[in-house]
Full PDB file with SEQRES, HELIX, SHEET, SSBOND, CRYST1, ORIGX, SCALE, CONECT and MASTER records, all heavy atoms in Angstrom:
SEQRES   1 A   45  ASP ARG PRO ASN ASP ILE THR LEU VAL ALA ALA GLU VAL          
SEQRES   2 A   45  ASP GLY GLN VAL CYS LEU ARG LEU HIS LEU SER MET GLY          
SEQRES   3 A   45  GLN ARG GLY ASP LEU PRO GLN ASP THR GLY LEU TRP ILE          
SEQRES   4 A   45  GLU PRO GLN ASP CYS ILE                                      
HELIX    1 AA1 PRO A   41  ASP A   43  5                                   3    
SHEET    1 AA1 3 ILE A   6  VAL A  13  0                                        
SHEET    2 AA1 3 GLN A  16  LEU A  23 -1                                        
SHEET    3 AA1 3 GLN A  33  ILE A  39 -1                                        
CRYST1    1.000    1.000    1.000  90.00  90.00  90.00 P 1           1          
ORIGX1      1.000000  0.000000  0.000000        0.00000                         
ORIGX2      0.000000  1.000000  0.000000        0.00000                         
ORIGX3      0.000000  0.000000  1.000000        0.00000                         
SCALE1      1.000000  0.000000  0.000000        0.00000                         
SCALE2      0.000000  1.000000  0.000000        0.00000                         
SCALE3      0.000000  0.000000  1.000000        0.00000                         
ATOM      1  N   ASP A   1      -4.982   7.533   3.010  1.00  0.00           N  
ATOM      2  CA  ASP A   1      -4.195   8.658   3.467  1.00  0.00           C  
ATOM      3  C   ASP A   1      -4.254   8.789   4.994  1.00  0.00           C  
ATOM      4  O   ASP A   1      -3.659   9.742   5.575  1.00  0.00           O  
ATOM      5  CB  ASP A   1      -4.687   9.973   2.885  1.00  0.00           C  
ATOM      6  CG  ASP A   1      -6.135  10.272   3.224  1.00  0.00           C  
ATOM      7  OD1 ASP A   1      -6.883   9.324   3.643  1.00  0.00           O  
ATOM      8  OD2 ASP A   1      -6.585  11.413   2.979  1.00  0.00           O  
ATOM      9  N   ARG A   2      -4.839   7.824   5.674  1.00  0.00           N  
ATOM     10  CA  ARG A   2      -4.888   7.890   7.187  1.00  0.00           C  
ATOM     11  C   ARG A   2      -3.565   7.407   7.638  1.00  0.00           C  
ATOM     12  O   ARG A   2      -2.873   6.543   7.071  1.00  0.00           O  
ATOM     13  CB  ARG A   2      -5.987   6.991   7.733  1.00  0.00           C  
ATOM     14  CG  ARG A   2      -7.426   7.267   7.275  1.00  0.00           C  
ATOM     15  CD  ARG A   2      -7.908   8.605   7.773  1.00  0.00           C  
ATOM     16  NE  ARG A   2      -7.611   9.682   6.879  1.00  0.00           N  
ATOM     17  CZ  ARG A   2      -7.667  10.990   7.129  1.00  0.00           C  
ATOM     18  NH1 ARG A   2      -8.064  11.334   8.361  1.00  0.00           N  
ATOM     19  NH2 ARG A   2      -7.407  11.912   6.237  1.00  0.00           N  
ATOM     20  N   PRO A   3      -3.109   7.996   8.782  1.00  0.00           N  
ATOM     21  CA  PRO A   3      -1.792   7.586   9.345  1.00  0.00           C  
ATOM     22  C   PRO A   3      -1.788   6.140   9.857  1.00  0.00           C  
ATOM     23  O   PRO A   3      -2.460   5.872  10.831  1.00  0.00           O  
ATOM     24  CB  PRO A   3      -1.573   8.565  10.523  1.00  0.00           C  
ATOM     25  CG  PRO A   3      -2.495   9.698  10.237  1.00  0.00           C  
ATOM     26  CD  PRO A   3      -3.667   9.073   9.555  1.00  0.00           C  
ATOM     27  N   ASN A   4      -1.193   5.257   9.107  1.00  0.00           N  
ATOM     28  CA  ASN A   4      -1.002   3.836   9.557  1.00  0.00           C  
ATOM     29  C   ASN A   4       0.390   3.389   9.208  1.00  0.00           C  
ATOM     30  O   ASN A   4       0.971   3.846   8.231  1.00  0.00           O  
ATOM     31  CB  ASN A   4      -2.032   2.936   8.834  1.00  0.00           C  
ATOM     32  CG  ASN A   4      -3.425   3.121   9.337  1.00  0.00           C  
ATOM     33  OD1 ASN A   4      -3.775   2.660  10.427  1.00  0.00           O  
ATOM     34  ND2 ASN A   4      -4.277   3.872   8.607  1.00  0.00           N  
ATOM     35  N   ASP A   5       0.927   2.414   9.896  1.00  0.00           N  
ATOM     36  CA  ASP A   5       2.256   1.930   9.668  1.00  0.00           C  
ATOM     37  C   ASP A   5       2.320   1.198   8.324  1.00  0.00           C  
ATOM     38  O   ASP A   5       3.246   1.336   7.527  1.00  0.00           O  
ATOM     39  CB  ASP A   5       2.688   1.003  10.796  1.00  0.00           C  
ATOM     40  CG  ASP A   5       2.977   1.716  12.063  1.00  0.00           C  
ATOM     41  OD1 ASP A   5       3.823   2.510  12.128  1.00  0.00           O  
ATOM     42  OD2 ASP A   5       2.146   1.480  13.029  1.00  0.00           O  
ATOM     43  N   ILE A   6       1.362   0.331   8.068  1.00  0.00           N  
ATOM     44  CA  ILE A   6       1.224  -0.444   6.851  1.00  0.00           C  
ATOM     45  C   ILE A   6      -0.133  -0.263   6.251  1.00  0.00           C  
ATOM     46  O   ILE A   6      -1.139  -0.449   6.891  1.00  0.00           O  
ATOM     47  CB  ILE A   6       1.453  -1.944   7.102  1.00  0.00           C  
ATOM     48  CG1 ILE A   6       2.841  -2.198   7.791  1.00  0.00           C  
ATOM     49  CG2 ILE A   6       1.386  -2.752   5.785  1.00  0.00           C  
ATOM     50  CD1 ILE A   6       3.059  -3.601   8.246  1.00  0.00           C  
ATOM     51  N   THR A   7      -0.162   0.162   4.970  1.00  0.00           N  
ATOM     52  CA  THR A   7      -1.426   0.393   4.259  1.00  0.00           C  
ATOM     53  C   THR A   7      -1.321  -0.422   2.925  1.00  0.00           C  
ATOM     54  O   THR A   7      -0.350  -0.328   2.172  1.00  0.00           O  
ATOM     55  CB  THR A   7      -1.669   1.835   3.941  1.00  0.00           C  
ATOM     56  OG1 THR A   7      -1.683   2.572   5.192  1.00  0.00           O  
ATOM     57  CG2 THR A   7      -2.981   2.064   3.282  1.00  0.00           C  
ATOM     58  N   LEU A   8      -2.357  -1.169   2.638  1.00  0.00           N  
ATOM     59  CA  LEU A   8      -2.510  -1.914   1.376  1.00  0.00           C  
ATOM     60  C   LEU A   8      -3.674  -1.283   0.592  1.00  0.00           C  
ATOM     61  O   LEU A   8      -4.839  -1.329   1.072  1.00  0.00           O  
ATOM     62  CB  LEU A   8      -2.668  -3.357   1.653  1.00  0.00           C  
ATOM     63  CG  LEU A   8      -1.466  -4.068   2.235  1.00  0.00           C  
ATOM     64  CD1 LEU A   8      -1.845  -5.412   2.841  1.00  0.00           C  
ATOM     65  CD2 LEU A   8      -0.369  -4.269   1.159  1.00  0.00           C  
ATOM     66  N   VAL A   9      -3.409  -0.726  -0.593  1.00  0.00           N  
ATOM     67  CA  VAL A   9      -4.411   0.019  -1.290  1.00  0.00           C  
ATOM     68  C   VAL A   9      -4.667  -0.712  -2.639  1.00  0.00           C  
ATOM     69  O   VAL A   9      -3.760  -0.969  -3.446  1.00  0.00           O  
ATOM     70  CB  VAL A   9      -3.917   1.429  -1.601  1.00  0.00           C  
ATOM     71  CG1 VAL A   9      -4.992   2.235  -2.428  1.00  0.00           C  
ATOM     72  CG2 VAL A   9      -3.579   2.159  -0.322  1.00  0.00           C  
ATOM     73  N   ALA A  10      -5.909  -1.019  -2.877  1.00  0.00           N  
ATOM     74  CA  ALA A  10      -6.340  -1.719  -4.068  1.00  0.00           C  
ATOM     75  C   ALA A  10      -6.117  -0.857  -5.351  1.00  0.00           C  
ATOM     76  O   ALA A  10      -6.392   0.332  -5.354  1.00  0.00           O  
ATOM     77  CB  ALA A  10      -7.744  -2.163  -4.020  1.00  0.00           C  
ATOM     78  N   ALA A  11      -5.572  -1.453  -6.372  1.00  0.00           N  
ATOM     79  CA  ALA A  11      -5.349  -0.802  -7.677  1.00  0.00           C  
ATOM     80  C   ALA A  11      -5.343  -1.760  -8.751  1.00  0.00           C  
ATOM     81  O   ALA A  11      -5.334  -2.978  -8.531  1.00  0.00           O  
ATOM     82  CB  ALA A  11      -3.998  -0.071  -7.621  1.00  0.00           C  
ATOM     83  N   GLU A  12      -5.448  -1.298  -9.966  1.00  0.00           N  
ATOM     84  CA  GLU A  12      -5.324  -2.181 -11.134  1.00  0.00           C  
ATOM     85  C   GLU A  12      -3.951  -2.087 -11.774  1.00  0.00           C  
ATOM     86  O   GLU A  12      -3.445  -0.983 -12.076  1.00  0.00           O  
ATOM     87  CB  GLU A  12      -6.442  -1.825 -12.168  1.00  0.00           C  
ATOM     88  CG  GLU A  12      -7.771  -2.345 -11.876  1.00  0.00           C  
ATOM     89  CD  GLU A  12      -8.648  -2.308 -13.079  1.00  0.00           C  
ATOM     90  OE1 GLU A  12      -8.381  -2.980 -14.098  1.00  0.00           O  
ATOM     91  OE2 GLU A  12      -9.735  -1.603 -12.960  1.00  0.00           O  
ATOM     92  N   VAL A  13      -3.318  -3.183 -11.974  1.00  0.00           N  
ATOM     93  CA  VAL A  13      -2.057  -3.273 -12.625  1.00  0.00           C  
ATOM     94  C   VAL A  13      -2.173  -4.289 -13.761  1.00  0.00           C  
ATOM     95  O   VAL A  13      -2.431  -5.474 -13.517  1.00  0.00           O  
ATOM     96  CB  VAL A  13      -0.934  -3.732 -11.632  1.00  0.00           C  
ATOM     97  CG1 VAL A  13       0.409  -3.952 -12.389  1.00  0.00           C  
ATOM     98  CG2 VAL A  13      -0.760  -2.733 -10.545  1.00  0.00           C  
ATOM     99  N   ASP A  14      -2.069  -3.820 -14.985  1.00  0.00           N  
ATOM    100  CA  ASP A  14      -2.190  -4.582 -16.198  1.00  0.00           C  
ATOM    101  C   ASP A  14      -3.550  -5.379 -16.162  1.00  0.00           C  
ATOM    102  O   ASP A  14      -3.584  -6.581 -16.493  1.00  0.00           O  
ATOM    103  CB  ASP A  14      -1.022  -5.601 -16.305  1.00  0.00           C  
ATOM    104  CG  ASP A  14       0.335  -4.895 -16.425  1.00  0.00           C  
ATOM    105  OD1 ASP A  14       0.349  -3.801 -17.021  1.00  0.00           O  
ATOM    106  OD2 ASP A  14       1.384  -5.398 -15.979  1.00  0.00           O  
ATOM    107  N   GLY A  15      -4.539  -4.652 -15.776  1.00  0.00           N  
ATOM    108  CA  GLY A  15      -5.866  -5.342 -15.773  1.00  0.00           C  
ATOM    109  C   GLY A  15      -6.138  -6.207 -14.602  1.00  0.00           C  
ATOM    110  O   GLY A  15      -7.230  -6.806 -14.488  1.00  0.00           O  
ATOM    111  N   GLN A  16      -5.203  -6.347 -13.666  1.00  0.00           N  
ATOM    112  CA  GLN A  16      -5.415  -7.253 -12.509  1.00  0.00           C  
ATOM    113  C   GLN A  16      -5.514  -6.396 -11.194  1.00  0.00           C  
ATOM    114  O   GLN A  16      -4.777  -5.454 -11.061  1.00  0.00           O  
ATOM    115  CB  GLN A  16      -4.184  -8.140 -12.395  1.00  0.00           C  
ATOM    116  CG  GLN A  16      -4.176  -9.033 -11.200  1.00  0.00           C  
ATOM    117  CD  GLN A  16      -2.948  -9.882 -11.034  1.00  0.00           C  
ATOM    118  OE1 GLN A  16      -2.038  -9.819 -11.898  1.00  0.00           O  
ATOM    119  NE2 GLN A  16      -2.836 -10.658  -9.980  1.00  0.00           N  
ATOM    120  N   VAL A  17      -6.474  -6.784 -10.386  1.00  0.00           N  
ATOM    121  CA  VAL A  17      -6.649  -6.092  -9.146  1.00  0.00           C  
ATOM    122  C   VAL A  17      -5.637  -6.563  -8.171  1.00  0.00           C  
ATOM    123  O   VAL A  17      -5.509  -7.783  -7.941  1.00  0.00           O  
ATOM    124  CB  VAL A  17      -8.071  -6.251  -8.602  1.00  0.00           C  
ATOM    125  CG1 VAL A  17      -8.161  -5.697  -7.175  1.00  0.00           C  
ATOM    126  CG2 VAL A  17      -9.145  -5.655  -9.529  1.00  0.00           C  
ATOM    127  N   CYS A  18      -4.896  -5.650  -7.609  1.00  0.00           N  
ATOM    128  CA  CYS A  18      -3.858  -6.014  -6.661  1.00  0.00           C  
ATOM    129  C   CYS A  18      -3.943  -5.003  -5.507  1.00  0.00           C  
ATOM    130  O   CYS A  18      -4.752  -4.146  -5.447  1.00  0.00           O  
ATOM    131  CB  CYS A  18      -2.447  -6.015  -7.309  1.00  0.00           C  
ATOM    132  SG  CYS A  18      -1.960  -4.345  -7.847  1.00  0.00           S  
ATOM    133  N   LEU A  19      -2.964  -5.132  -4.559  1.00  0.00           N  
ATOM    134  CA  LEU A  19      -2.871  -4.146  -3.454  1.00  0.00           C  
ATOM    135  C   LEU A  19      -1.530  -3.621  -3.410  1.00  0.00           C  
ATOM    136  O   LEU A  19      -0.482  -4.333  -3.381  1.00  0.00           O  
ATOM    137  CB  LEU A  19      -3.237  -4.814  -2.143  1.00  0.00           C  
ATOM    138  CG  LEU A  19      -4.732  -5.127  -2.041  1.00  0.00           C  
ATOM    139  CD1 LEU A  19      -4.998  -6.610  -1.985  1.00  0.00           C  
ATOM    140  CD2 LEU A  19      -5.357  -4.467  -0.761  1.00  0.00           C  
ATOM    141  N   ARG A  20      -1.373  -2.288  -3.537  1.00  0.00           N  
ATOM    142  CA  ARG A  20      -0.148  -1.625  -3.507  1.00  0.00           C  
ATOM    143  C   ARG A  20       0.274  -1.441  -2.067  1.00  0.00           C  
ATOM    144  O   ARG A  20      -0.496  -1.025  -1.187  1.00  0.00           O  
ATOM    145  CB  ARG A  20      -0.203  -0.243  -4.118  1.00  0.00           C  
ATOM    146  CG  ARG A  20      -0.660  -0.233  -5.598  1.00  0.00           C  
ATOM    147  CD  ARG A  20       0.450  -0.453  -6.535  1.00  0.00           C  
ATOM    148  NE  ARG A  20       1.380   0.602  -6.599  1.00  0.00           N  
ATOM    149  CZ  ARG A  20       2.128   0.926  -7.674  1.00  0.00           C  
ATOM    150  NH1 ARG A  20       1.978   0.289  -8.755  1.00  0.00           N  
ATOM    151  NH2 ARG A  20       3.040   1.934  -7.579  1.00  0.00           N  
ATOM    152  N   LEU A  21       1.575  -1.683  -1.741  1.00  0.00           N  
ATOM    153  CA  LEU A  21       2.122  -1.554  -0.385  1.00  0.00           C  
ATOM    154  C   LEU A  21       2.559  -0.148  -0.114  1.00  0.00           C  
ATOM    155  O   LEU A  21       3.400   0.403  -0.823  1.00  0.00           O  
ATOM    156  CB  LEU A  21       3.264  -2.582  -0.254  1.00  0.00           C  
ATOM    157  CG  LEU A  21       4.037  -2.469   1.094  1.00  0.00           C  
ATOM    158  CD1 LEU A  21       3.154  -2.785   2.302  1.00  0.00           C  
ATOM    159  CD2 LEU A  21       5.251  -3.340   1.059  1.00  0.00           C  
ATOM    160  N   HIS A  22       2.021   0.382   0.906  1.00  0.00           N  
ATOM    161  CA  HIS A  22       2.391   1.735   1.410  1.00  0.00           C  
ATOM    162  C   HIS A  22       2.907   1.575   2.811  1.00  0.00           C  
ATOM    163  O   HIS A  22       2.378   0.786   3.627  1.00  0.00           O  
ATOM    164  CB  HIS A  22       1.172   2.748   1.390  1.00  0.00           C  
ATOM    165  CG  HIS A  22       0.694   3.107   0.074  1.00  0.00           C  
ATOM    166  ND1 HIS A  22       0.140   2.111  -0.784  1.00  0.00           N  
ATOM    167  CD2 HIS A  22       0.625   4.261  -0.618  1.00  0.00           C  
ATOM    168  CE1 HIS A  22      -0.228   2.778  -1.920  1.00  0.00           C  
ATOM    169  NE2 HIS A  22       0.045   3.969  -1.819  1.00  0.00           N  
ATOM    170  N   LEU A  23       4.017   2.300   3.154  1.00  0.00           N  
ATOM    171  CA  LEU A  23       4.608   2.285   4.489  1.00  0.00           C  
ATOM    172  C   LEU A  23       4.735   3.683   5.061  1.00  0.00           C  
ATOM    173  O   LEU A  23       5.008   4.612   4.329  1.00  0.00           O  
ATOM    174  CB  LEU A  23       5.937   1.569   4.469  1.00  0.00           C  
ATOM    175  CG  LEU A  23       5.927   0.105   4.061  1.00  0.00           C  
ATOM    176  CD1 LEU A  23       7.418  -0.367   3.892  1.00  0.00           C  
ATOM    177  CD2 LEU A  23       5.224  -0.748   5.076  1.00  0.00           C  
ATOM    178  N   SER A  24       4.609   3.787   6.348  1.00  0.00           N  
ATOM    179  CA  SER A  24       4.790   5.045   7.050  1.00  0.00           C  
ATOM    180  C   SER A  24       6.310   5.244   7.297  1.00  0.00           C  
ATOM    181  O   SER A  24       6.946   4.600   8.158  1.00  0.00           O  
ATOM    182  CB  SER A  24       4.098   5.070   8.370  1.00  0.00           C  
ATOM    183  OG  SER A  24       4.287   6.320   9.068  1.00  0.00           O  
ATOM    184  N   MET A  25       6.922   6.049   6.481  1.00  0.00           N  
ATOM    185  CA  MET A  25       8.398   6.206   6.461  1.00  0.00           C  
ATOM    186  C   MET A  25       8.812   7.644   6.959  1.00  0.00           C  
ATOM    187  O   MET A  25      10.028   7.886   7.121  1.00  0.00           O  
ATOM    188  CB  MET A  25       8.957   5.915   5.072  1.00  0.00           C  
ATOM    189  CG  MET A  25       8.796   4.508   4.683  1.00  0.00           C  
ATOM    190  SD  MET A  25       9.604   4.121   3.120  1.00  0.00           S  
ATOM    191  CE  MET A  25       8.349   4.648   1.975  1.00  0.00           C  
ATOM    192  N   GLY A  26       7.906   8.534   7.114  1.00  0.00           N  
ATOM    193  CA  GLY A  26       8.233   9.951   7.443  1.00  0.00           C  
ATOM    194  C   GLY A  26       8.100  10.211   8.933  1.00  0.00           C  
ATOM    195  O   GLY A  26       8.388   9.309   9.809  1.00  0.00           O  
ATOM    196  N   GLN A  27       7.765  11.435   9.265  1.00  0.00           N  
ATOM    197  CA  GLN A  27       7.588  11.874  10.626  1.00  0.00           C  
ATOM    198  C   GLN A  27       6.180  11.542  11.057  1.00  0.00           C  
ATOM    199  O   GLN A  27       5.300  11.065  10.325  1.00  0.00           O  
ATOM    200  CB  GLN A  27       7.878  13.316  10.755  1.00  0.00           C  
ATOM    201  CG  GLN A  27       9.279  13.791  10.320  1.00  0.00           C  
ATOM    202  CD  GLN A  27      10.320  13.057  11.225  1.00  0.00           C  
ATOM    203  OE1 GLN A  27      10.240  13.074  12.461  1.00  0.00           O  
ATOM    204  NE2 GLN A  27      11.389  12.576  10.575  1.00  0.00           N  
ATOM    205  N   ARG A  28       5.966  11.761  12.379  1.00  0.00           N  
ATOM    206  CA  ARG A  28       4.651  11.513  12.936  1.00  0.00           C  
ATOM    207  C   ARG A  28       3.553  12.286  12.142  1.00  0.00           C  
ATOM    208  O   ARG A  28       3.619  13.427  11.965  1.00  0.00           O  
ATOM    209  CB  ARG A  28       4.727  11.942  14.363  1.00  0.00           C  
ATOM    210  CG  ARG A  28       3.429  11.714  15.219  1.00  0.00           C  
ATOM    211  CD  ARG A  28       3.714  12.063  16.648  1.00  0.00           C  
ATOM    212  NE  ARG A  28       2.556  11.883  17.509  1.00  0.00           N  
ATOM    213  CZ  ARG A  28       1.789  12.901  17.917  1.00  0.00           C  
ATOM    214  NH1 ARG A  28       2.002  14.085  17.601  1.00  0.00           N  
ATOM    215  NH2 ARG A  28       0.726  12.643  18.743  1.00  0.00           N  
ATOM    216  N   GLY A  29       2.560  11.505  11.701  1.00  0.00           N  
ATOM    217  CA  GLY A  29       1.414  12.104  10.995  1.00  0.00           C  
ATOM    218  C   GLY A  29       1.594  12.196   9.495  1.00  0.00           C  
ATOM    219  O   GLY A  29       0.633  12.571   8.849  1.00  0.00           O  
ATOM    220  N   ASP A  30       2.811  11.910   8.941  1.00  0.00           N  
ATOM    221  CA  ASP A  30       3.015  11.996   7.532  1.00  0.00           C  
ATOM    222  C   ASP A  30       2.226  10.892   6.844  1.00  0.00           C  
ATOM    223  O   ASP A  30       1.957   9.862   7.398  1.00  0.00           O  
ATOM    224  CB  ASP A  30       4.492  11.814   7.226  1.00  0.00           C  
ATOM    225  CG  ASP A  30       5.309  13.059   7.489  1.00  0.00           C  
ATOM    226  OD1 ASP A  30       4.685  14.052   7.857  1.00  0.00           O  
ATOM    227  OD2 ASP A  30       6.604  13.010   7.400  1.00  0.00           O  
ATOM    228  N   LEU A  31       1.824  11.186   5.567  1.00  0.00           N  
ATOM    229  CA  LEU A  31       1.083  10.183   4.813  1.00  0.00           C  
ATOM    230  C   LEU A  31       1.925   8.986   4.524  1.00  0.00           C  
ATOM    231  O   LEU A  31       3.126   9.024   4.309  1.00  0.00           O  
ATOM    232  CB  LEU A  31       0.625  10.802   3.513  1.00  0.00           C  
ATOM    233  CG  LEU A  31      -0.292  12.113   3.554  1.00  0.00           C  
ATOM    234  CD1 LEU A  31      -0.646  12.418   2.155  1.00  0.00           C  
ATOM    235  CD2 LEU A  31      -1.500  11.797   4.434  1.00  0.00           C  
ATOM    236  N   PRO A  32       1.280   7.721   4.496  1.00  0.00           N  
ATOM    237  CA  PRO A  32       1.969   6.578   4.097  1.00  0.00           C  
ATOM    238  C   PRO A  32       2.479   6.747   2.641  1.00  0.00           C  
ATOM    239  O   PRO A  32       1.812   7.361   1.806  1.00  0.00           O  
ATOM    240  CB  PRO A  32       0.947   5.489   4.150  1.00  0.00           C  
ATOM    241  CG  PRO A  32      -0.114   6.030   5.069  1.00  0.00           C  
ATOM    242  CD  PRO A  32      -0.116   7.499   4.860  1.00  0.00           C  
ATOM    243  N   GLN A  33       3.677   6.179   2.310  1.00  0.00           N  
ATOM    244  CA  GLN A  33       4.338   6.348   1.066  1.00  0.00           C  
ATOM    245  C   GLN A  33       4.248   5.097   0.276  1.00  0.00           C  
ATOM    246  O   GLN A  33       4.459   3.965   0.744  1.00  0.00           O  
ATOM    247  CB  GLN A  33       5.780   6.809   1.230  1.00  0.00           C  
ATOM    248  CG  GLN A  33       5.892   8.149   1.898  1.00  0.00           C  
ATOM    249  CD  GLN A  33       7.339   8.585   2.062  1.00  0.00           C  
ATOM    250  OE1 GLN A  33       8.192   8.279   1.255  1.00  0.00           O  
ATOM    251  NE2 GLN A  33       7.650   9.275   3.177  1.00  0.00           N  
ATOM    252  N   ASP A  34       3.935   5.216  -1.045  1.00  0.00           N  
ATOM    253  CA  ASP A  34       3.815   4.138  -1.942  1.00  0.00           C  
ATOM    254  C   ASP A  34       5.223   3.551  -2.209  1.00  0.00           C  
ATOM    255  O   ASP A  34       6.123   4.244  -2.568  1.00  0.00           O  
ATOM    256  CB  ASP A  34       3.172   4.580  -3.266  1.00  0.00           C  
ATOM    257  CG  ASP A  34       2.968   3.409  -4.260  1.00  0.00           C  
ATOM    258  OD1 ASP A  34       3.125   2.238  -3.828  1.00  0.00           O  
ATOM    259  OD2 ASP A  34       2.569   3.734  -5.391  1.00  0.00           O  
ATOM    260  N   THR A  35       5.391   2.198  -1.995  1.00  0.00           N  
ATOM    261  CA  THR A  35       6.692   1.571  -2.184  1.00  0.00           C  
ATOM    262  C   THR A  35       6.906   1.144  -3.643  1.00  0.00           C  
ATOM    263  O   THR A  35       8.030   0.754  -4.018  1.00  0.00           O  
ATOM    264  CB  THR A  35       6.833   0.328  -1.261  1.00  0.00           C  
ATOM    265  OG1 THR A  35       5.854  -0.651  -1.721  1.00  0.00           O  
ATOM    266  CG2 THR A  35       6.665   0.722   0.160  1.00  0.00           C  
ATOM    267  N   GLY A  36       5.853   1.228  -4.446  1.00  0.00           N  
ATOM    268  CA  GLY A  36       5.972   0.752  -5.827  1.00  0.00           C  
ATOM    269  C   GLY A  36       5.853  -0.797  -5.909  1.00  0.00           C  
ATOM    270  O   GLY A  36       5.992  -1.331  -6.980  1.00  0.00           O  
ATOM    271  N   LEU A  37       5.532  -1.431  -4.868  1.00  0.00           N  
ATOM    272  CA  LEU A  37       5.381  -2.884  -4.841  1.00  0.00           C  
ATOM    273  C   LEU A  37       3.910  -3.275  -4.643  1.00  0.00           C  
ATOM    274  O   LEU A  37       3.130  -2.499  -4.024  1.00  0.00           O  
ATOM    275  CB  LEU A  37       6.154  -3.494  -3.684  1.00  0.00           C  
ATOM    276  CG  LEU A  37       7.678  -3.163  -3.685  1.00  0.00           C  
ATOM    277  CD1 LEU A  37       8.278  -3.714  -2.407  1.00  0.00           C  
ATOM    278  CD2 LEU A  37       8.333  -3.805  -4.902  1.00  0.00           C  
ATOM    279  N   TRP A  38       3.556  -4.453  -5.237  1.00  0.00           N  
ATOM    280  CA  TRP A  38       2.168  -4.862  -5.090  1.00  0.00           C  
ATOM    281  C   TRP A  38       2.125  -6.363  -4.786  1.00  0.00           C  
ATOM    282  O   TRP A  38       3.089  -7.030  -5.036  1.00  0.00           O  
ATOM    283  CB  TRP A  38       1.292  -4.525  -6.308  1.00  0.00           C  
ATOM    284  CG  TRP A  38       1.828  -5.004  -7.636  1.00  0.00           C  
ATOM    285  CD1 TRP A  38       2.784  -4.487  -8.450  1.00  0.00           C  
ATOM    286  CD2 TRP A  38       1.371  -6.210  -8.253  1.00  0.00           C  
ATOM    287  NE1 TRP A  38       2.952  -5.251  -9.557  1.00  0.00           N  
ATOM    288  CE2 TRP A  38       2.121  -6.263  -9.504  1.00  0.00           C  
ATOM    289  CE3 TRP A  38       0.446  -7.171  -7.997  1.00  0.00           C  
ATOM    290  CZ2 TRP A  38       1.893  -7.313 -10.413  1.00  0.00           C  
ATOM    291  CZ3 TRP A  38       0.261  -8.209  -8.863  1.00  0.00           C  
ATOM    292  CH2 TRP A  38       0.965  -8.312 -10.136  1.00  0.00           C  
ATOM    293  N   ILE A  39       0.940  -6.737  -4.255  1.00  0.00           N  
ATOM    294  CA  ILE A  39       0.736  -8.075  -3.865  1.00  0.00           C  
ATOM    295  C   ILE A  39      -0.657  -8.530  -4.298  1.00  0.00           C  
ATOM    296  O   ILE A  39      -1.580  -7.765  -4.376  1.00  0.00           O  
ATOM    297  CB  ILE A  39       0.884  -8.235  -2.357  1.00  0.00           C  
ATOM    298  CG1 ILE A  39       0.922  -9.715  -1.870  1.00  0.00           C  
ATOM    299  CG2 ILE A  39      -0.208  -7.483  -1.644  1.00  0.00           C  
ATOM    300  CD1 ILE A  39       2.266 -10.206  -1.552  1.00  0.00           C  
ATOM    301  N   GLU A  40      -0.838  -9.742  -4.613  1.00  0.00           N  
ATOM    302  CA  GLU A  40      -2.189 -10.301  -4.924  1.00  0.00           C  
ATOM    303  C   GLU A  40      -2.975 -10.426  -3.694  1.00  0.00           C  
ATOM    304  O   GLU A  40      -2.415 -10.715  -2.573  1.00  0.00           O  
ATOM    305  CB  GLU A  40      -2.033 -11.648  -5.660  1.00  0.00           C  
ATOM    306  CG  GLU A  40      -1.403 -11.471  -7.092  1.00  0.00           C  
ATOM    307  CD  GLU A  40      -1.382 -12.809  -7.852  1.00  0.00           C  
ATOM    308  OE1 GLU A  40      -2.010 -13.732  -7.410  1.00  0.00           O  
ATOM    309  OE2 GLU A  40      -0.637 -12.871  -8.873  1.00  0.00           O  
ATOM    310  N   PRO A  41      -4.272 -10.252  -3.743  1.00  0.00           N  
ATOM    311  CA  PRO A  41      -5.099 -10.281  -2.523  1.00  0.00           C  
ATOM    312  C   PRO A  41      -4.909 -11.518  -1.662  1.00  0.00           C  
ATOM    313  O   PRO A  41      -4.855 -11.414  -0.415  1.00  0.00           O  
ATOM    314  CB  PRO A  41      -6.566 -10.160  -3.102  1.00  0.00           C  
ATOM    315  CG  PRO A  41      -6.394  -9.426  -4.344  1.00  0.00           C  
ATOM    316  CD  PRO A  41      -5.087  -9.921  -4.944  1.00  0.00           C  
ATOM    317  N   GLN A  42      -4.751 -12.694  -2.260  1.00  0.00           N  
ATOM    318  CA  GLN A  42      -4.603 -13.913  -1.460  1.00  0.00           C  
ATOM    319  C   GLN A  42      -3.345 -14.021  -0.718  1.00  0.00           C  
ATOM    320  O   GLN A  42      -3.185 -14.784   0.172  1.00  0.00           O  
ATOM    321  CB  GLN A  42      -4.828 -15.218  -2.337  1.00  0.00           C  
ATOM    322  CG  GLN A  42      -3.733 -15.365  -3.408  1.00  0.00           C  
ATOM    323  CD  GLN A  42      -4.037 -14.717  -4.683  1.00  0.00           C  
ATOM    324  OE1 GLN A  42      -4.830 -13.774  -4.810  1.00  0.00           O  
ATOM    325  NE2 GLN A  42      -3.377 -15.231  -5.736  1.00  0.00           N  
ATOM    326  N   ASP A  43      -2.374 -13.144  -1.043  1.00  0.00           N  
ATOM    327  CA  ASP A  43      -1.038 -13.201  -0.459  1.00  0.00           C  
ATOM    328  C   ASP A  43      -0.897 -12.081   0.618  1.00  0.00           C  
ATOM    329  O   ASP A  43       0.202 -11.935   1.132  1.00  0.00           O  
ATOM    330  CB  ASP A  43       0.024 -13.071  -1.487  1.00  0.00           C  
ATOM    331  CG  ASP A  43       0.036 -14.220  -2.443  1.00  0.00           C  
ATOM    332  OD1 ASP A  43      -0.212 -15.393  -1.994  1.00  0.00           O  
ATOM    333  OD2 ASP A  43       0.337 -14.046  -3.636  1.00  0.00           O  
ATOM    334  N   CYS A  44      -1.955 -11.334   0.903  1.00  0.00           N  
ATOM    335  CA  CYS A  44      -1.830 -10.158   1.801  1.00  0.00           C  
ATOM    336  C   CYS A  44      -1.410 -10.630   3.248  1.00  0.00           C  
ATOM    337  O   CYS A  44      -0.586  -9.993   3.874  1.00  0.00           O  
ATOM    338  CB  CYS A  44      -3.184  -9.412   1.858  1.00  0.00           C  
ATOM    339  SG  CYS A  44      -3.408  -8.262   0.470  1.00  0.00           S  
ATOM    340  N   ILE A  45      -2.038 -11.645   3.708  1.00  0.00           N  
ATOM    341  CA  ILE A  45      -1.795 -11.974   5.112  1.00  0.00           C  
ATOM    342  C   ILE A  45      -0.337 -12.570   5.287  1.00  0.00           C  
ATOM    343  O   ILE A  45       0.315 -12.130   6.176  1.00  0.00           O  
ATOM    344  CB  ILE A  45      -2.788 -13.055   5.606  1.00  0.00           C  
ATOM    345  CG1 ILE A  45      -4.240 -12.446   5.479  1.00  0.00           C  
ATOM    346  CG2 ILE A  45      -2.532 -13.491   7.081  1.00  0.00           C  
ATOM    347  CD1 ILE A  45      -4.437 -11.194   6.175  1.00  0.00           C  
TER     348      ILE A  45                                                      
MASTER        0    0    0    1    3    0    0    6  347    1    0    4          
END                                                                             
């Protein structure tokens, strides 16, 4: 919930640990918003 442009948050999807993509899309200081997309840890970079 810290103000960052790109935030990747670990979560479980169908028993698999992944990272949910959050982006800062609002005004200054708004919380990053979940895009509904996820990525496997090895593909983060």
